[in-house]
Amino acid sequence: MSEKSNAHQQKLAELIERYSDGGGVHATSIPSLFLIRASAMAEPIYVVDEPSFCIIVQGEKEIWLGEEHLRFGVGKYLVTSVDSPVVGHIKASIDAPYLALKLEFAPSEVLEFLEDKEVRAAHRKSTKRAMFISEVEPPLLDAVVRFAALLDNPKHIPKLAPLFKKEILYWILQGPYKDALAQMALKGSNAFRIKKVIEYIIENVKRSFQIEELAEMANMSVASFHRHFKLVTAMSPIQFQKQLRLQEARRLLLADSSDIANIAFRIGYESQSQFSREYSRMFGFPPKVDISRMKENSG
């Protein structure tokens, strides 16, 4: 890493430390910008990643998207272009905390860079994974630093933040994975149709679906729908919905663990025993044990 890149990384680290009140994910005065700080994270993190750009300034993170394993740290960035249930594990310590910057965006914000008909046609041709890791090139890092530095100059945020955000998206689209980002914004592409189905599944997570119903929604054959869905998400539609349901169940149980059967029913399970089996398989412990353990660790 060059001397200039090191200076940029140091600047971002200072900004994250200054505007992060302890550990966790912190919203900022810049719309859609979040700062992340963690001193230690032994437990895996189960979340649904929204469309976003994430750059690590210090530490390392591992992510499991379905059965796919991704790892990234300083000098790389992660882009998620469609809502995706993931399992993450952060490597950090008190002396060297995990520091990261996350910028959320809407796929529609990418559209203005894809106005040319030939460009649009090229990006529609194939279906790519909706999550990717790439090297941080100097122009992108420079744009990120200028964007985050607005935290020190809040009066300029309304005018400059939208411009710097566009610049960040522009540089990502100049990278090797531009198709994976562009495909989600283009109506008519296979990935866009999968994205609409994903949004429907998330909004109706408690419902049980027939694969034929989802394929019809995407205007695809069952075989084609299943193939494109897995290309985008690294999961089958059933695996995708199961992860969403179990994450939601865990959230509800943390708020009220008194009635496991009721919560299982609320998220779409008809059998409590099946729910407990699948919960244990995903989180490593039966529901009651897992929730008690998590509450003790956070207390």
Protein backbone atom coordinates (compact mmCIF):
# COMPACT_ATOMS: atom_id res chain seq x y z
CA MET A 1 0.00 0.00 0.00
CA SER A 2 1.38 3.43 -0.98
CA GLU A 3 2.22 6.19 1.47
CA LYS A 4 -0.82 8.16 0.28
CA SER A 5 -3.11 5.15 0.73
CA ASN A 6 -1.74 4.63 4.25
CA ALA A 7 -2.47 8.27 5.04
CA HIS A 8 -6.02 7.89 3.71
CA GLN A 9 -6.58 4.75 5.83
CA GLN A 10 -5.29 6.59 8.90
CA LYS A 11 -7.62 9.52 8.20
CA LEU A 12 -10.61 7.17 7.96
CA ALA A 13 -9.59 5.40 11.18
CA GLU A 14 -9.44 8.73 13.01
CA LEU A 15 -12.88 9.72 11.70
CA ILE A 16 -14.43 6.41 12.72
CA GLU A 17 -12.93 6.61 16.21
CA ARG A 18 -14.06 10.24 16.60
CA TYR A 19 -17.65 9.67 15.52
CA SER A 20 -18.24 6.21 17.02
CA ASP A 21 -19.57 6.24 20.55
CA GLY A 22 -18.28 2.83 21.66
CA GLY A 23 -18.85 -0.42 19.81
CA GLY A 24 -21.58 -1.15 17.32
CA VAL A 25 -23.01 0.38 14.16
CA HIS A 26 -23.37 4.17 14.28
CA ALA A 27 -25.52 6.34 12.03
CA THR A 28 -23.93 9.64 11.07
CA SER A 29 -25.02 13.13 10.03
CA ILE A 30 -24.38 12.06 6.42
CA PRO A 31 -27.44 10.23 5.06
CA SER A 32 -26.80 6.52 4.38
CA LEU A 33 -23.31 6.57 5.94
CA PHE A 34 -22.64 4.28 8.93
CA LEU A 35 -19.49 3.77 11.00
CA ILE A 36 -18.73 0.39 12.57
CA ARG A 37 -16.46 -0.26 15.53
CA ALA A 38 -15.90 -3.50 17.48
CA SER A 39 -13.21 -4.36 20.06
CA ALA A 40 -14.01 -8.05 20.24
CA MET A 41 -16.55 -10.22 18.46
CA ALA A 42 -16.37 -13.90 19.32
CA GLU A 43 -19.97 -14.57 18.28
CA PRO A 44 -21.00 -14.83 14.62
CA ILE A 45 -23.23 -12.02 13.40
CA TYR A 46 -26.47 -12.96 11.62
CA VAL A 47 -27.87 -10.09 9.57
CA VAL A 48 -29.59 -9.21 6.32
CA ASP A 49 -27.14 -7.03 4.40
CA GLU A 50 -28.87 -4.27 2.45
CA PRO A 51 -27.44 -2.88 -0.81
CA SER A 52 -24.26 -1.22 0.38
CA PHE A 53 -20.56 -0.54 -0.02
CA CYS A 54 -18.29 -1.43 2.91
CA ILE A 55 -14.61 -0.68 3.37
CA ILE A 56 -12.53 -1.97 6.29
CA VAL A 57 -9.98 0.41 7.77
CA GLN A 58 -8.67 -1.92 10.48
CA GLY A 59 -9.24 -5.61 11.21
CA GLU A 60 -10.76 -8.36 9.11
CA LYS A 61 -14.17 -9.85 8.44
CA GLU A 62 -15.34 -13.24 7.21
CA ILE A 63 -18.75 -13.67 5.61
CA TRP A 64 -20.76 -16.75 4.73
CA LEU A 65 -23.30 -16.21 1.98
CA GLY A 66 -25.05 -19.55 1.82
CA GLU A 67 -22.15 -21.99 1.57
CA GLU A 68 -19.87 -19.41 -0.03
CA HIS A 69 -17.07 -18.08 2.15
CA LEU A 70 -15.71 -14.55 1.66
CA ARG A 71 -12.89 -12.82 3.54
CA PHE A 72 -11.78 -9.23 3.32
CA GLY A 73 -9.71 -6.71 5.23
CA VAL A 74 -7.72 -3.53 4.74
CA GLY A 75 -7.21 -2.64 1.09
CA LYS A 76 -10.40 -4.33 -0.11
CA TYR A 77 -14.08 -3.46 -0.21
CA LEU A 78 -17.34 -5.40 -0.21
CA VAL A 79 -20.40 -4.55 -2.26
CA THR A 80 -23.82 -6.07 -1.68
CA SER A 81 -26.29 -5.24 -4.45
CA VAL A 82 -29.44 -6.96 -3.15
CA ASP A 83 -30.78 -7.75 0.35
CA SER A 84 -28.86 -10.86 1.46
CA PRO A 85 -29.00 -12.90 4.70
CA VAL A 86 -25.41 -13.51 5.76
CA VAL A 87 -23.34 -14.81 8.66
CA GLY A 88 -20.36 -12.64 9.56
CA HIS A 89 -17.41 -12.98 11.90
CA ILE A 90 -15.23 -10.02 12.84
CA LYS A 91 -11.60 -10.35 13.87
CA ALA A 92 -10.61 -7.62 16.32
CA SER A 93 -9.13 -6.90 19.74
CA ILE A 94 -9.16 -4.11 22.32
CA ASP A 95 -5.74 -2.95 21.12
CA ALA A 96 -6.69 -3.18 17.44
CA PRO A 97 -10.47 -2.71 17.11
CA TYR A 98 -12.35 -3.50 13.93
CA LEU A 99 -13.08 -0.23 12.11
CA ALA A 100 -15.23 -0.03 8.99
CA LEU A 101 -17.30 2.38 6.97
CA LYS A 102 -20.57 1.38 5.33
CA LEU A 103 -22.45 3.33 2.69
CA GLU A 104 -25.95 2.19 1.79
CA PHE A 105 -27.37 2.90 -1.64
CA ALA A 106 -30.38 2.12 -3.80
CA PRO A 107 -29.80 0.19 -7.04
CA SER A 108 -31.66 3.01 -8.80
CA GLU A 109 -28.76 5.34 -7.90
CA VAL A 110 -26.62 3.32 -10.30
CA LEU A 111 -28.95 3.94 -13.25
CA GLU A 112 -27.67 7.37 -14.21
CA PHE A 113 -24.30 5.81 -15.07
CA LEU A 114 -25.99 3.31 -17.42
CA GLU A 115 -27.88 5.59 -19.78
CA ASP A 116 -26.26 4.36 -22.98
CA LYS A 117 -28.37 1.64 -24.62
CA GLU A 118 -25.34 -0.44 -25.58
CA VAL A 119 -24.03 -0.28 -22.01
CA ARG A 120 -27.40 -1.39 -20.66
CA ALA A 121 -27.60 -4.27 -23.13
CA ALA A 122 -24.11 -5.47 -22.17
CA HIS A 123 -24.94 -5.54 -18.46
CA ARG A 124 -28.18 -7.48 -19.05
CA LYS A 125 -26.45 -10.42 -20.70
CA SER A 126 -25.38 -12.48 -17.69
CA THR A 127 -26.36 -13.06 -14.07
CA LYS A 128 -23.70 -12.46 -11.40
CA ARG A 129 -23.44 -12.98 -7.66
CA ALA A 130 -24.99 -10.04 -5.81
CA MET A 131 -22.07 -9.80 -3.37
CA PHE A 132 -18.43 -9.29 -4.31
CA ILE A 133 -15.07 -8.22 -2.92
CA SER A 134 -12.55 -6.14 -4.84
CA GLU A 135 -9.33 -4.17 -4.38
CA VAL A 136 -9.65 -0.53 -3.32
CA GLU A 137 -8.11 1.54 -6.11
CA PRO A 138 -6.63 4.98 -5.26
CA PRO A 139 -9.40 7.08 -6.93
CA LEU A 140 -12.08 5.19 -4.99
CA LEU A 141 -10.24 5.52 -1.68
CA ASP A 142 -9.73 9.23 -2.31
CA ALA A 143 -13.47 9.69 -2.92
CA VAL A 144 -14.34 7.76 0.25
CA VAL A 145 -12.01 9.93 2.36
CA ARG A 146 -13.48 13.17 1.01
CA PHE A 147 -16.99 11.82 1.61
CA ALA A 148 -16.31 10.78 5.23
CA ALA A 149 -14.36 13.99 5.95
CA LEU A 150 -17.63 15.90 5.55
CA LEU A 151 -18.40 14.75 9.10
CA ASP A 152 -15.92 17.43 10.19
CA ASN A 153 -17.64 20.02 7.97
CA PRO A 154 -21.38 19.41 8.40
CA LYS A 155 -22.44 22.64 6.69
CA HIS A 156 -21.22 21.18 3.37
CA ILE A 157 -23.05 17.85 3.72
CA PRO A 158 -26.30 18.82 1.93
CA LYS A 159 -24.50 19.95 -1.23
CA LEU A 160 -21.39 17.77 -1.39
CA ALA A 161 -22.45 14.42 0.12
CA PRO A 162 -24.71 13.49 -2.85
CA LEU A 163 -21.90 14.36 -5.28
CA PHE A 164 -19.25 12.35 -3.43
CA LYS A 165 -21.62 9.40 -3.11
CA LYS A 166 -22.14 9.44 -6.88
CA GLU A 167 -18.39 9.52 -7.35
CA ILE A 168 -17.96 6.45 -5.13
CA LEU A 169 -20.56 4.54 -7.15
CA TYR A 170 -18.91 5.72 -10.36
CA TRP A 171 -15.52 4.30 -9.34
CA ILE A 172 -17.06 0.99 -8.25
CA LEU A 173 -18.62 0.76 -11.71
CA GLN A 174 -15.16 1.22 -13.23
CA GLY A 175 -13.98 -1.89 -11.37
CA PRO A 176 -13.94 -5.55 -12.43
CA TYR A 177 -17.36 -6.36 -10.94
CA LYS A 178 -19.37 -3.60 -12.57
CA ASP A 179 -21.80 -6.15 -14.09
CA ALA A 180 -22.69 -7.48 -10.63
CA LEU A 181 -23.73 -4.01 -9.52
CA ALA A 182 -25.29 -2.78 -12.75
CA GLN A 183 -27.47 -5.87 -13.29
CA MET A 184 -29.63 -5.09 -10.25
CA ALA A 185 -30.60 -1.65 -11.57
CA LEU A 186 -31.61 -2.68 -15.08
CA LYS A 187 -35.24 -3.55 -15.61
CA GLY A 188 -35.61 -6.61 -17.77
CA SER A 189 -32.35 -8.25 -16.70
CA ASN A 190 -32.59 -11.69 -15.11
CA ALA A 191 -30.96 -10.36 -11.95
CA PHE A 192 -33.48 -7.52 -11.68
CA ARG A 193 -36.35 -10.01 -11.88
CA ILE A 194 -34.71 -12.11 -9.16
CA LYS A 195 -34.32 -8.96 -7.06
CA LYS A 196 -38.06 -8.29 -7.26
CA VAL A 197 -38.79 -11.85 -6.09
CA ILE A 198 -36.32 -11.43 -3.22
CA GLU A 199 -38.10 -8.24 -2.15
CA TYR A 200 -41.41 -10.13 -2.22
CA ILE A 201 -40.02 -13.01 -0.14
CA ILE A 202 -38.66 -10.57 2.46
CA GLU A 203 -41.98 -8.70 2.67
CA ASN A 204 -43.87 -12.00 3.02
CA VAL A 205 -41.31 -14.03 4.95
CA LYS A 206 -43.97 -15.87 7.00
CA ARG A 207 -45.72 -17.22 3.90
CA SER A 208 -44.94 -20.59 2.37
CA PHE A 209 -44.34 -20.47 -1.37
CA GLN A 210 -44.42 -22.94 -4.18
CA ILE A 211 -41.39 -22.63 -6.43
CA GLU A 212 -43.76 -22.43 -9.42
CA GLU A 213 -45.37 -19.31 -7.94
CA LEU A 214 -42.01 -17.55 -7.55
CA ALA A 215 -40.87 -18.61 -11.02
CA GLU A 216 -44.05 -17.20 -12.54
CA MET A 217 -43.47 -13.94 -10.67
CA ALA A 218 -40.01 -13.74 -12.29
CA ASN A 219 -41.45 -14.74 -15.68
CA MET A 220 -39.08 -17.72 -15.85
CA SER A 221 -39.33 -21.46 -16.06
CA VAL A 222 -38.84 -23.26 -12.75
CA ALA A 223 -35.42 -24.55 -13.78
CA SER A 224 -34.27 -21.14 -15.03
CA PHE A 225 -35.60 -19.34 -11.95
CA HIS A 226 -33.85 -21.76 -9.57
CA ARG A 227 -30.57 -21.39 -11.49
CA HIS A 228 -30.64 -17.58 -11.62
CA PHE A 229 -31.74 -17.27 -7.99
CA LYS A 230 -28.77 -19.35 -6.86
CA LEU A 231 -26.40 -17.40 -9.12
CA VAL A 232 -27.48 -14.16 -7.43
CA THR A 233 -27.75 -15.33 -3.81
CA ALA A 234 -25.62 -18.53 -3.52
CA MET A 235 -28.75 -20.13 -2.02
CA SER A 236 -31.90 -21.84 -3.18
CA PRO A 237 -35.15 -19.91 -2.59
CA ILE A 238 -36.00 -22.30 0.29
CA GLN A 239 -32.60 -21.79 1.96
CA PHE A 240 -32.92 -18.04 1.50
CA GLN A 241 -36.33 -17.87 3.15
CA LYS A 242 -35.24 -20.22 5.94
CA GLN A 243 -32.35 -17.95 6.89
CA LEU A 244 -34.65 -14.94 6.90
CA ARG A 245 -37.21 -16.72 9.09
CA LEU A 246 -34.67 -17.96 11.61
CA GLN A 247 -33.00 -14.57 11.90
CA GLU A 248 -36.40 -12.99 12.55
CA ALA A 249 -37.22 -15.71 15.10
CA ARG A 250 -34.01 -15.00 16.98
CA ARG A 251 -34.80 -11.28 17.06
CA LEU A 252 -38.29 -11.98 18.43
CA LEU A 253 -36.99 -14.46 20.99
CA LEU A 254 -34.47 -11.95 22.30
CA ALA A 255 -37.37 -9.59 22.95
CA ASP A 256 -39.62 -12.29 24.46
CA SER A 257 -38.40 -15.88 24.85
CA SER A 258 -41.42 -17.02 26.87
CA ASP A 259 -43.40 -18.65 24.05
CA ILE A 260 -41.25 -20.47 21.51
CA ALA A 261 -44.23 -22.25 19.93
CA ASN A 262 -46.02 -18.97 19.27
CA ILE A 263 -42.96 -17.35 17.73
CA ALA A 264 -42.33 -20.41 15.56
CA PHE A 265 -45.91 -20.13 14.30
CA ARG A 266 -45.60 -16.37 13.75
CA ILE A 267 -42.66 -16.77 11.38
CA GLY A 268 -44.31 -19.53 9.36
CA TYR A 269 -43.48 -22.85 11.06
CA GLU A 270 -46.31 -25.28 11.73
CA SER A 271 -44.14 -27.64 13.79
CA GLN A 272 -42.23 -26.46 16.87
CA SER A 273 -39.95 -29.49 16.72
CA GLN A 274 -39.00 -28.70 13.12
CA PHE A 275 -38.39 -25.08 14.11
CA SER A 276 -36.14 -26.13 17.01
CA ARG A 277 -34.15 -28.50 14.78
CA GLU A 278 -33.55 -25.90 12.10
CA TYR A 279 -32.81 -23.20 14.68
CA SER A 280 -30.20 -25.43 16.36
CA ARG A 281 -28.65 -26.26 13.00
CA MET A 282 -28.25 -22.58 12.14
CA PHE A 283 -27.25 -21.07 15.49
CA GLY A 284 -25.61 -24.06 17.17
CA PHE A 285 -27.97 -24.24 20.16
CA PRO A 286 -31.69 -24.92 20.81
CA PRO A 287 -33.76 -21.71 21.05
CA LYS A 288 -33.99 -21.45 24.85
CA VAL A 289 -30.32 -22.23 25.39
CA ASP A 290 -29.21 -19.85 22.66
CA ILE A 291 -31.28 -16.91 23.93
CA SER A 292 -30.22 -17.45 27.56
CA ARG A 293 -26.61 -17.61 26.47
CA MET A 294 -26.87 -14.43 24.40
CA LYS A 295 -28.55 -12.51 27.21
CA GLU A 296 -25.87 -13.59 29.67
CA ASN A 297 -23.10 -12.55 27.29
CA SER A 298 -24.65 -9.13 26.72
CA GLY A 299 -25.44 -8.54 30.38
